[in-house]
Amino acid sequence: MFEPNEEGKVRLYFTEEKICIGSYKEVEKYERETKNSYWASEFFELPPDYNPIGKTADEIKLAVRELLLSKLLKKSLGL
């Protein structure tokens, strides 16, 4: 769905209301259809099979935080 960079992170783009509109391809479509431009972009390490489109930046950050905590827990338990 999204192409991660060498750090395994994906650049996501958001509307003015901080709703994820996806990757750059979706930004082009969004700008063309709404005549608005995107608000910002950020890199995220997304959980596997996680679809961020339509979610707020805070919801995505929470999912990323949960993924990180899960990784840390597995590492500390030696799993």
C-alpha atoms as a PDB file:
ATOM      1  CA  MET A   1       0.000   0.000   0.000  1.00  0.00           C
ATOM      2  CA  PHE A   2       2.713   2.494   1.014  1.00  0.00           C
ATOM      3  CA  GLU A   3       6.375   2.528   0.055  1.00  0.00           C
ATOM      4  CA  PRO A   4       8.562   2.748   3.210  1.00  0.00           C
ATOM      5  CA  ASN A   5      11.926   4.510   3.175  1.00  0.00           C
ATOM      6  CA  GLU A   6      15.223   2.887   4.196  1.00  0.00           C
ATOM      7  CA  GLU A   7      14.278   3.371   7.883  1.00  0.00           C
ATOM      8  CA  GLY A   8      10.997   1.505   7.361  1.00  0.00           C
ATOM      9  CA  LYS A   9       8.958   4.689   7.685  1.00  0.00           C
ATOM     10  CA  VAL A  10       6.227   5.992   5.394  1.00  0.00           C
ATOM     11  CA  ARG A  11       5.587   9.638   4.528  1.00  0.00           C
ATOM     12  CA  LEU A  12       1.927  10.490   5.056  1.00  0.00           C
ATOM     13  CA  TYR A  13       0.114  13.647   4.026  1.00  0.00           C
ATOM     14  CA  PHE A  14      -2.698  15.366   5.920  1.00  0.00           C
ATOM     15  CA  THR A  15      -5.495  17.855   5.317  1.00  0.00           C
ATOM     16  CA  GLU A  16      -5.782  21.130   7.192  1.00  0.00           C
ATOM     17  CA  GLU A  17      -7.907  19.257   9.737  1.00  0.00           C
ATOM     18  CA  LYS A  18      -5.035  16.766  10.266  1.00  0.00           C
ATOM     19  CA  ILE A  19      -6.852  13.896   8.535  1.00  0.00           C
ATOM     20  CA  CYS A  20      -4.586  11.524   6.617  1.00  0.00           C
ATOM     21  CA  ILE A  21      -5.128  11.560   2.862  1.00  0.00           C
ATOM     22  CA  GLY A  22      -2.396   9.025   2.157  1.00  0.00           C
ATOM     23  CA  SER A  23       0.747   9.146   0.085  1.00  0.00           C
ATOM     24  CA  TYR A  24       1.790  11.679  -2.522  1.00  0.00           C
ATOM     25  CA  LYS A  25      -0.325  10.019  -5.232  1.00  0.00           C
ATOM     26  CA  GLU A  26      -3.426  10.614  -3.131  1.00  0.00           C
ATOM     27  CA  VAL A  27      -2.331  14.223  -2.507  1.00  0.00           C
ATOM     28  CA  GLU A  28      -2.396  14.951  -6.222  1.00  0.00           C
ATOM     29  CA  LYS A  29      -5.920  13.515  -6.478  1.00  0.00           C
ATOM     30  CA  TYR A  30      -7.051  15.367  -3.312  1.00  0.00           C
ATOM     31  CA  GLU A  31      -5.755  18.715  -4.603  1.00  0.00           C
ATOM     32  CA  ARG A  32      -7.335  18.175  -8.001  1.00  0.00           C
ATOM     33  CA  GLU A  33     -10.748  17.166  -6.602  1.00  0.00           C
ATOM     34  CA  THR A  34     -11.033  19.640  -3.698  1.00  0.00           C
ATOM     35  CA  LYS A  35      -8.932  22.557  -4.965  1.00  0.00           C
ATOM     36  CA  ASN A  36      -7.284  22.531  -1.508  1.00  0.00           C
ATOM     37  CA  SER A  37      -3.682  21.796  -0.735  1.00  0.00           C
ATOM     38  CA  TYR A  38      -2.423  19.439   1.921  1.00  0.00           C
ATOM     39  CA  TRP A  39      -1.531  20.660   5.403  1.00  0.00           C
ATOM     40  CA  ALA A  40       1.641  18.767   6.221  1.00  0.00           C
ATOM     41  CA  SER A  41       3.562  15.555   5.867  1.00  0.00           C
ATOM     42  CA  GLU A  42       5.308  13.375   8.400  1.00  0.00           C
ATOM     43  CA  PHE A  43       7.123  10.041   8.497  1.00  0.00           C
ATOM     44  CA  PHE A  44       5.597   7.146  10.433  1.00  0.00           C
ATOM     45  CA  GLU A  45       6.587   3.540  11.081  1.00  0.00           C
ATOM     46  CA  LEU A  46       3.187   1.949  10.589  1.00  0.00           C
ATOM     47  CA  PRO A  47       1.991  -1.368  12.006  1.00  0.00           C
ATOM     48  CA  PRO A  48       1.667  -4.133   9.380  1.00  0.00           C
ATOM     49  CA  ASP A  49      -1.588  -3.946   7.389  1.00  0.00           C
ATOM     50  CA  TYR A  50      -2.514  -0.617   9.043  1.00  0.00           C
ATOM     51  CA  ASN A  51      -4.490   1.744   6.805  1.00  0.00           C
ATOM     52  CA  PRO A  52      -4.010   5.341   7.999  1.00  0.00           C
ATOM     53  CA  ILE A  53      -6.211   6.988   5.353  1.00  0.00           C
ATOM     54  CA  GLY A  54      -9.075   8.901   6.960  1.00  0.00           C
ATOM     55  CA  LYS A  55      -7.535   8.735  10.416  1.00  0.00           C
ATOM     56  CA  THR A  56      -6.302  11.729  12.380  1.00  0.00           C
ATOM     57  CA  ALA A  57      -2.623  12.357  13.024  1.00  0.00           C
ATOM     58  CA  ASP A  58      -3.225  11.580  16.718  1.00  0.00           C
ATOM     59  CA  GLU A  59      -4.865   8.217  15.918  1.00  0.00           C
ATOM     60  CA  ILE A  60      -1.901   7.285  13.713  1.00  0.00           C
ATOM     61  CA  LYS A  61       0.607   8.351  16.370  1.00  0.00           C
ATOM     62  CA  LEU A  62      -1.229   6.175  18.901  1.00  0.00           C
ATOM     63  CA  ALA A  63      -1.046   3.139  16.572  1.00  0.00           C
ATOM     64  CA  VAL A  64       2.676   3.789  16.029  1.00  0.00           C
ATOM     65  CA  ARG A  65       3.229   4.103  19.796  1.00  0.00           C
ATOM     66  CA  GLU A  66       1.397   0.797  20.392  1.00  0.00           C
ATOM     67  CA  LEU A  67       3.599  -0.891  17.769  1.00  0.00           C
ATOM     68  CA  LEU A  68       6.744   0.441  19.449  1.00  0.00           C
ATOM     69  CA  LEU A  69       5.570  -0.668  22.903  1.00  0.00           C
ATOM     70  CA  SER A  70       4.758  -4.118  21.536  1.00  0.00           C
ATOM     71  CA  LYS A  71       8.252  -4.416  20.030  1.00  0.00           C
ATOM     72  CA  LEU A  72       9.870  -3.284  23.287  1.00  0.00           C
ATOM     73  CA  LEU A  73       7.801  -5.730  25.327  1.00  0.00           C
ATOM     74  CA  LYS A  74       8.670  -8.644  23.037  1.00  0.00           C
ATOM     75  CA  LYS A  75      12.339  -7.697  23.211  1.00  0.00           C
ATOM     76  CA  SER A  76      12.346  -7.456  26.991  1.00  0.00           C
ATOM     77  CA  LEU A  77      10.597 -10.846  27.268  1.00  0.00           C
ATOM     78  CA  GLY A  78      13.025 -12.388  24.803  1.00  0.00           C
ATOM     79  CA  LEU A  79      10.320 -13.337  22.296  1.00  0.00           C
END
